[in-house]
């Protein structure tokens, strides 16, 4: 495999996707880059932001550019697991059961407002997200390739919502914060809305395909990641674990332990080894999108917030001090030496 050719192709495809998405969406380049990174790294994405920030539009736009099969589930309190995965239907004429596959059998699944459904419905996605398969009755069915869940949730309105189980949160490769646009971007949004009442109707060219996505994924293991970079990833993940504090207390005092303890008291549960694997995969995908065949420390630092922000459980002390997971991650990155 010509890894240099694939990396240049990834860079070109990324630029084309950004340019094509700009026909519908003003700004939000970090959101689109995050989705591109996730699909190359073969992971799912949780999008969090207040209503009106084009989360759903961004997912639809990516689906149109990718040429992949797309389905949407509107999560509500009365949704049932069978509405997601499918169920067995009894046919009276034949006396047999037939399988009715649910909307999860697609390439891109938009789980809109995922936190509005109870835990039993959310858990119906666990097998699909983790193993790319669904069990209906006594049979297991493989999901199409590629398979990507893009879930949205509103961080403000909590009435009638259910917290996502930690096990399901950990299945998301990345959690992307969708922020407010700048004044200049909002000016363009309002001006554009006068010309096109429904941006989702704007025609887009297909940039990606299942074949090109498969090529990019196959190139991922060939992207060079030096041992020093892996050590850096391990240090980021391991320092989030409060139980490490007691083990390494003496060594910490001899180096920069006072600074470590400053943020460790805000963390109740840290990241698992799955977070380290996700960091390396996302950093490699980031390198490909930049047209490189090797990972830089900046690639790791760029993806750390999206990979860790939903994997850290903060203490009550963090809430009392008004600190978020992003604040803690900033402290961690400022503390650890960069290779």
Protein backbone atom coordinates (compact mmCIF):
# COMPACT_ATOMS: atom_id res chain seq x y z
CA UNK A 1 0.00 0.00 0.00
CA UNK A 2 1.30 3.44 -0.99
CA UNK A 3 0.76 5.19 2.33
CA UNK A 4 2.09 8.52 1.04
CA UNK A 5 -0.41 8.44 -1.83
CA UNK A 6 -3.26 7.57 0.52
CA UNK A 7 -2.31 10.37 2.95
CA UNK A 8 -2.30 12.93 0.15
CA UNK A 9 -5.67 11.60 -1.02
CA UNK A 10 -7.05 11.93 2.53
CA UNK A 11 -5.86 15.54 2.72
CA UNK A 12 -7.48 16.32 -0.63
CA UNK A 13 -10.76 14.61 0.33
CA UNK A 14 -10.83 16.50 3.63
CA UNK A 15 -10.43 19.83 1.86
CA UNK A 16 -13.13 18.90 -0.66
CA UNK A 17 -15.54 17.92 2.15
CA UNK A 18 -14.97 21.24 3.94
CA UNK A 19 -15.55 23.22 0.75
CA UNK A 20 -18.68 21.26 -0.15
CA UNK A 21 -20.15 21.48 3.37
CA UNK A 22 -19.66 25.26 3.28
CA UNK A 23 -22.46 25.42 0.70
CA UNK A 24 -24.90 24.53 3.49
CA UNK A 25 -23.14 25.26 6.78
CA UNK A 26 -21.35 28.42 7.82
CA UNK A 27 -18.37 27.69 10.09
CA UNK A 28 -18.38 24.53 12.24
CA UNK A 29 -15.20 23.28 10.56
CA UNK A 30 -14.10 21.59 13.81
CA UNK A 31 -17.38 19.66 13.86
CA UNK A 32 -16.90 18.41 10.31
CA UNK A 33 -13.23 17.58 10.95
CA UNK A 34 -14.29 15.60 14.02
CA UNK A 35 -16.79 13.57 12.01
CA UNK A 36 -14.18 12.91 9.31
CA UNK A 37 -11.66 11.83 11.95
CA UNK A 38 -14.20 9.49 13.53
CA UNK A 39 -15.19 7.77 10.31
CA UNK A 40 -11.52 7.18 9.38
CA UNK A 41 -10.85 5.86 12.89
CA UNK A 42 -14.02 3.70 12.74
CA UNK A 43 -15.71 5.23 15.78
CA UNK A 44 -18.97 6.82 16.87
CA UNK A 45 -19.57 10.47 17.69
CA UNK A 46 -21.63 12.23 20.35
CA UNK A 47 -22.56 15.81 19.40
CA UNK A 48 -23.50 18.14 22.23
CA UNK A 49 -24.83 21.64 21.81
CA UNK A 50 -27.85 23.84 22.35
CA UNK A 51 -30.65 23.77 19.74
CA UNK A 52 -30.16 25.72 16.54
CA UNK A 53 -26.43 25.13 16.01
CA UNK A 54 -26.85 22.91 12.91
CA UNK A 55 -26.00 19.58 14.57
CA UNK A 56 -28.63 17.64 12.61
CA UNK A 57 -27.88 19.58 9.43
CA UNK A 58 -24.18 18.76 9.76
CA UNK A 59 -24.94 15.03 10.01
CA UNK A 60 -27.29 15.16 7.00
CA UNK A 61 -24.70 17.13 5.05
CA UNK A 62 -22.02 14.55 5.78
CA UNK A 63 -24.41 11.75 4.76
CA UNK A 64 -25.08 13.46 1.41
CA UNK A 65 -21.34 13.97 0.76
CA UNK A 66 -20.48 10.39 1.70
CA UNK A 67 -23.04 8.63 -0.48
CA UNK A 68 -23.74 6.18 2.34
CA UNK A 69 -27.10 4.84 3.49
CA UNK A 70 -28.55 7.18 6.12
CA UNK A 71 -31.35 6.78 8.67
CA UNK A 72 -32.56 8.87 11.57
CA UNK A 73 -34.16 7.89 14.88
CA UNK A 74 -35.88 10.56 16.95
CA UNK A 75 -35.37 9.38 20.52
CA UNK A 76 -38.42 9.91 22.75
CA UNK A 77 -39.47 8.58 26.20
CA UNK A 78 -41.93 6.11 24.61
CA UNK A 79 -39.39 4.59 22.20
CA UNK A 80 -38.86 0.81 22.49
CA UNK A 81 -35.67 -1.21 21.87
CA UNK A 82 -37.41 -2.98 18.98
CA UNK A 83 -37.95 0.41 17.34
CA UNK A 84 -34.16 0.68 17.09
CA UNK A 85 -32.88 -2.83 16.41
CA UNK A 86 -35.92 -4.55 14.89
CA UNK A 87 -38.09 -7.45 15.95
CA UNK A 88 -39.67 -10.76 14.96
CA UNK A 89 -43.03 -10.58 13.17
CA UNK A 90 -45.44 -13.52 13.25
CA UNK A 91 -46.97 -14.29 9.86
CA UNK A 92 -50.31 -15.94 10.39
CA UNK A 93 -50.55 -17.26 6.82
CA UNK A 94 -47.36 -19.32 7.08
CA UNK A 95 -47.17 -19.79 10.84
CA UNK A 96 -43.55 -18.60 10.81
CA UNK A 97 -41.68 -15.63 12.22
CA UNK A 98 -39.93 -13.18 9.91
CA UNK A 99 -37.35 -10.56 10.85
CA UNK A 100 -38.15 -6.90 10.49
CA UNK A 101 -34.86 -5.07 10.64
CA UNK A 102 -34.84 -1.75 12.47
CA UNK A 103 -33.30 1.56 11.34
CA UNK A 104 -29.98 0.58 12.93
CA UNK A 105 -29.29 -1.44 9.75
CA UNK A 106 -27.66 1.39 7.84
CA UNK A 107 -24.27 3.04 7.32
CA UNK A 108 -24.90 6.35 9.09
CA UNK A 109 -27.37 6.42 11.97
CA UNK A 110 -28.47 9.73 13.44
CA UNK A 111 -29.64 9.17 17.01
CA UNK A 112 -31.30 12.54 17.53
CA UNK A 113 -31.64 13.70 21.16
CA UNK A 114 -30.40 10.34 22.39
CA UNK A 115 -30.75 11.32 26.06
CA UNK A 116 -34.56 11.57 25.76
CA UNK A 117 -34.98 7.78 25.69
CA UNK A 118 -34.75 5.58 28.82
CA UNK A 119 -31.74 3.38 29.55
CA UNK A 120 -33.26 0.19 28.09
CA UNK A 121 -33.53 1.88 24.68
CA UNK A 122 -30.07 3.42 24.88
CA UNK A 123 -28.62 0.02 25.80
CA UNK A 124 -30.18 -1.44 22.65
CA UNK A 125 -27.44 0.38 20.76
CA UNK A 126 -24.60 -1.11 22.83
CA UNK A 127 -24.18 -4.31 20.83
CA UNK A 128 -24.48 -2.43 17.55
CA UNK A 129 -21.92 0.20 18.54
CA UNK A 130 -19.40 -2.16 20.11
CA UNK A 131 -19.62 -5.23 17.88
CA UNK A 132 -21.30 -3.95 14.69
CA UNK A 133 -24.00 -6.59 15.00
CA UNK A 134 -27.56 -6.95 16.27
CA UNK A 135 -29.23 -9.96 17.86
CA UNK A 136 -32.92 -10.43 17.04
CA UNK A 137 -34.50 -13.51 18.55
CA UNK A 138 -31.94 -16.31 18.39
CA UNK A 139 -29.98 -15.00 15.40
CA UNK A 140 -27.24 -12.40 15.11
CA UNK A 141 -27.08 -10.14 12.08
CA UNK A 142 -24.03 -8.18 10.94
CA UNK A 143 -24.48 -4.47 10.29
CA UNK A 144 -23.45 -2.87 6.99
CA UNK A 145 -19.91 -1.54 6.59
CA UNK A 146 -19.10 1.16 7.43
CA UNK A 147 -21.41 1.72 10.42
CA UNK A 148 -21.30 4.99 12.32
CA UNK A 149 -23.61 6.34 15.04
CA UNK A 150 -23.87 10.12 15.26
CA UNK A 151 -25.86 11.00 18.37
CA UNK A 152 -26.97 14.47 19.45
CA UNK A 153 -28.00 15.79 22.85
CA UNK A 154 -28.93 19.11 24.41
CA UNK A 155 -26.78 19.93 27.49
CA UNK A 156 -29.17 22.54 28.90
CA UNK A 157 -32.69 21.15 28.99
CA UNK A 158 -32.74 18.28 31.51
CA UNK A 159 -36.49 17.81 32.01
CA UNK A 160 -37.61 14.51 30.49
CA UNK A 161 -34.06 13.33 29.79
CA UNK A 162 -32.00 10.37 30.96
CA UNK A 163 -28.26 10.33 31.56
CA UNK A 164 -26.37 8.06 29.20
CA UNK A 165 -24.90 4.98 30.95
CA UNK A 166 -21.13 5.15 31.39
CA UNK A 167 -20.76 1.94 29.38
CA UNK A 168 -22.48 3.55 26.40
CA UNK A 169 -20.58 6.82 26.74
CA UNK A 170 -17.34 4.87 26.54
CA UNK A 171 -18.47 3.37 23.23
CA UNK A 172 -18.37 6.82 21.65
CA UNK A 173 -14.97 7.47 20.15
CA UNK A 174 -15.40 11.25 20.42
CA UNK A 175 -17.64 13.81 22.03
CA UNK A 176 -17.76 17.04 20.06
CA UNK A 177 -18.96 20.33 21.51
CA UNK A 178 -20.91 22.39 18.98
CA UNK A 179 -20.25 26.02 19.86
CA UNK A 180 -21.97 29.29 18.98
CA UNK A 181 -20.87 30.96 15.74
CA UNK A 182 -18.83 34.17 15.69
CA UNK A 183 -20.53 37.45 14.85
CA UNK A 184 -19.18 37.29 11.29
CA UNK A 185 -20.41 33.70 10.86
CA UNK A 186 -23.83 34.55 12.27
CA UNK A 187 -24.08 37.49 9.85
CA UNK A 188 -23.44 35.06 6.98
CA UNK A 189 -25.98 32.57 8.39
CA UNK A 190 -28.75 35.15 8.56
CA UNK A 191 -27.91 36.49 5.11
CA UNK A 192 -27.83 32.97 3.66
CA UNK A 193 -31.18 32.08 5.22
CA UNK A 194 -32.85 34.83 3.19
CA UNK A 195 -31.61 33.20 -0.02
CA UNK A 196 -32.32 29.56 0.89
CA UNK A 197 -35.13 28.85 3.36
CA UNK A 198 -34.06 25.19 3.75
CA UNK A 199 -30.27 24.70 3.57
CA UNK A 200 -30.70 20.89 3.56
CA UNK A 201 -32.21 21.16 0.06
CA UNK A 202 -29.01 22.62 -1.40
CA UNK A 203 -27.52 20.01 -3.72
CA UNK A 204 -24.09 18.68 -2.82
CA UNK A 205 -21.61 16.57 -4.75
CA UNK A 206 -20.67 13.14 -3.44
CA UNK A 207 -17.07 13.35 -2.21
CA UNK A 208 -16.66 10.05 -0.35
CA UNK A 209 -17.81 6.48 -0.84
CA UNK A 210 -17.71 3.20 1.05
CA UNK A 211 -14.64 2.24 -1.02
CA UNK A 212 -12.65 5.42 -0.27
CA UNK A 213 -13.52 5.19 3.42
CA UNK A 214 -12.33 1.56 3.46
CA UNK A 215 -9.04 2.63 1.83
CA UNK A 216 -8.45 5.32 4.45
CA UNK A 217 -9.18 2.89 7.27
CA UNK A 218 -6.80 0.31 5.81
CA UNK A 219 -4.06 2.96 5.70
CA UNK A 220 -4.47 3.86 9.38
CA UNK A 221 -2.19 1.08 10.79
CA UNK A 222 0.57 2.17 8.39
CA UNK A 223 0.74 5.68 9.85
CA UNK A 224 3.92 5.83 11.93
CA UNK A 225 3.52 6.54 15.65
CA UNK A 226 6.82 6.76 17.54
CA UNK A 227 7.16 5.11 20.94
CA UNK A 228 7.67 8.55 22.48
CA UNK A 229 4.23 9.55 21.18
CA UNK A 230 2.70 6.39 22.63
CA UNK A 231 4.37 7.13 25.98
CA UNK A 232 2.87 10.63 25.81
CA UNK A 233 -0.59 9.13 25.20
CA UNK A 234 -0.16 6.71 28.11
CA UNK A 235 0.91 9.54 30.43
CA UNK A 236 -2.16 11.59 29.49
CA UNK A 237 -4.55 8.71 30.14
CA UNK A 238 -2.91 7.33 33.28
CA UNK A 239 -2.64 10.71 35.01
CA UNK A 240 -6.46 11.01 34.95
CA UNK A 241 -6.80 8.08 37.35
CA UNK A 242 -7.06 9.18 41.00
CA UNK A 243 -5.89 5.75 42.23
CA UNK A 244 -2.51 6.45 40.68
CA UNK A 245 -2.08 9.33 43.11
CA UNK A 246 -1.38 7.10 46.11
CA UNK A 247 0.92 4.78 44.16
CA UNK A 248 3.09 7.53 42.76
CA UNK A 249 2.94 10.02 45.61
CA UNK A 250 6.63 9.90 46.44
CA UNK A 251 7.69 10.22 42.81
CA UNK A 252 5.20 13.03 42.25
CA UNK A 253 6.63 15.08 45.09
CA UNK A 254 10.08 14.73 43.60
CA UNK A 255 8.90 16.08 40.24
CA UNK A 256 5.71 18.01 39.56
CA UNK A 257 3.31 16.15 41.82
CA UNK A 258 1.90 19.29 43.42
CA UNK A 259 0.56 20.34 40.06
CA UNK A 260 -0.83 16.84 39.43
CA UNK A 261 -2.66 16.76 42.73
CA UNK A 262 -4.18 20.12 41.87
CA UNK A 263 -6.40 18.55 39.20
CA UNK A 264 -6.57 14.97 40.53
CA UNK A 265 -8.83 16.08 43.36
CA UNK A 266 -11.40 17.09 40.75
CA UNK A 267 -11.56 13.61 39.14
CA UNK A 268 -13.59 10.75 40.60
CA UNK A 269 -13.03 8.22 37.82
CA UNK A 270 -10.42 8.43 35.09
CA UNK A 271 -10.10 7.10 31.56
CA UNK A 272 -9.65 3.40 30.70
CA UNK A 273 -7.11 1.89 28.28
CA UNK A 274 -9.80 2.19 25.61
CA UNK A 275 -9.22 5.94 25.77
CA UNK A 276 -5.52 5.45 24.96
CA UNK A 277 -6.39 3.30 21.95
CA UNK A 278 -8.89 5.93 20.81
CA UNK A 279 -6.30 8.70 21.19
CA UNK A 280 -3.80 6.91 18.98
CA UNK A 281 -6.39 6.08 16.31
CA UNK A 282 -7.71 9.65 16.22
CA UNK A 283 -4.19 11.10 16.14
CA UNK A 284 -3.35 8.86 13.18
CA UNK A 285 -6.55 9.91 11.40
CA UNK A 286 -5.67 13.54 12.08
CA UNK A 287 -2.24 12.97 10.52
CA UNK A 288 -3.84 11.49 7.40
CA UNK A 289 -6.20 14.46 7.05
CA UNK A 290 -3.14 16.72 7.22
CA UNK A 291 -1.46 14.70 4.46
CA UNK A 292 1.19 13.14 6.72
CA UNK A 293 2.30 9.54 7.22
CA UNK A 294 3.44 10.06 10.81
CA UNK A 295 1.92 11.33 14.05
CA UNK A 296 3.06 14.54 15.75
CA UNK A 297 2.46 15.50 19.40
CA UNK A 298 0.16 18.26 18.12
CA UNK A 299 -2.08 15.61 16.54
CA UNK A 300 -2.51 14.03 19.98
CA UNK A 301 -3.13 17.36 21.71
CA UNK A 302 -5.72 18.32 19.10
CA UNK A 303 -7.89 15.23 19.67
CA UNK A 304 -7.44 14.86 23.46
CA UNK A 305 -10.48 17.01 24.45
CA UNK A 306 -12.87 15.20 22.11
CA UNK A 307 -11.63 11.76 23.20
CA UNK A 308 -11.48 12.35 26.97
CA UNK A 309 -14.24 14.83 27.82
CA UNK A 310 -16.95 12.15 28.08
CA UNK A 311 -14.69 9.59 29.77
CA UNK A 312 -13.81 11.59 32.88
CA UNK A 313 -16.19 11.62 35.85
CA UNK A 314 -15.64 14.78 37.86
CA UNK A 315 -16.09 15.18 41.61
CA UNK A 316 -18.52 17.46 43.41
CA UNK A 317 -15.57 19.70 44.18
CA UNK A 318 -15.12 20.38 40.46
CA UNK A 319 -18.76 21.39 40.16
CA UNK A 320 -18.44 23.63 43.22
CA UNK A 321 -15.42 25.35 41.67
CA UNK A 322 -17.21 25.71 38.33
CA UNK A 323 -14.75 23.51 36.42
CA UNK A 324 -15.62 21.42 33.37
CA UNK A 325 -13.87 18.39 31.91
CA UNK A 326 -12.30 20.64 29.28
CA UNK A 327 -10.79 22.77 32.06
CA UNK A 328 -9.26 19.66 33.65
CA UNK A 329 -7.94 18.44 30.29
CA UNK A 330 -6.31 21.84 29.73
CA UNK A 331 -4.58 21.52 33.11
CA UNK A 332 -3.37 18.01 32.25
CA UNK A 333 -1.92 19.06 28.89
CA UNK A 334 -0.21 22.05 30.52
CA UNK A 335 1.34 19.80 33.17
CA UNK A 336 2.75 16.95 31.09
CA UNK A 337 5.96 17.43 29.08
CA UNK A 338 5.55 17.17 25.31
CA UNK A 339 7.95 14.76 23.54
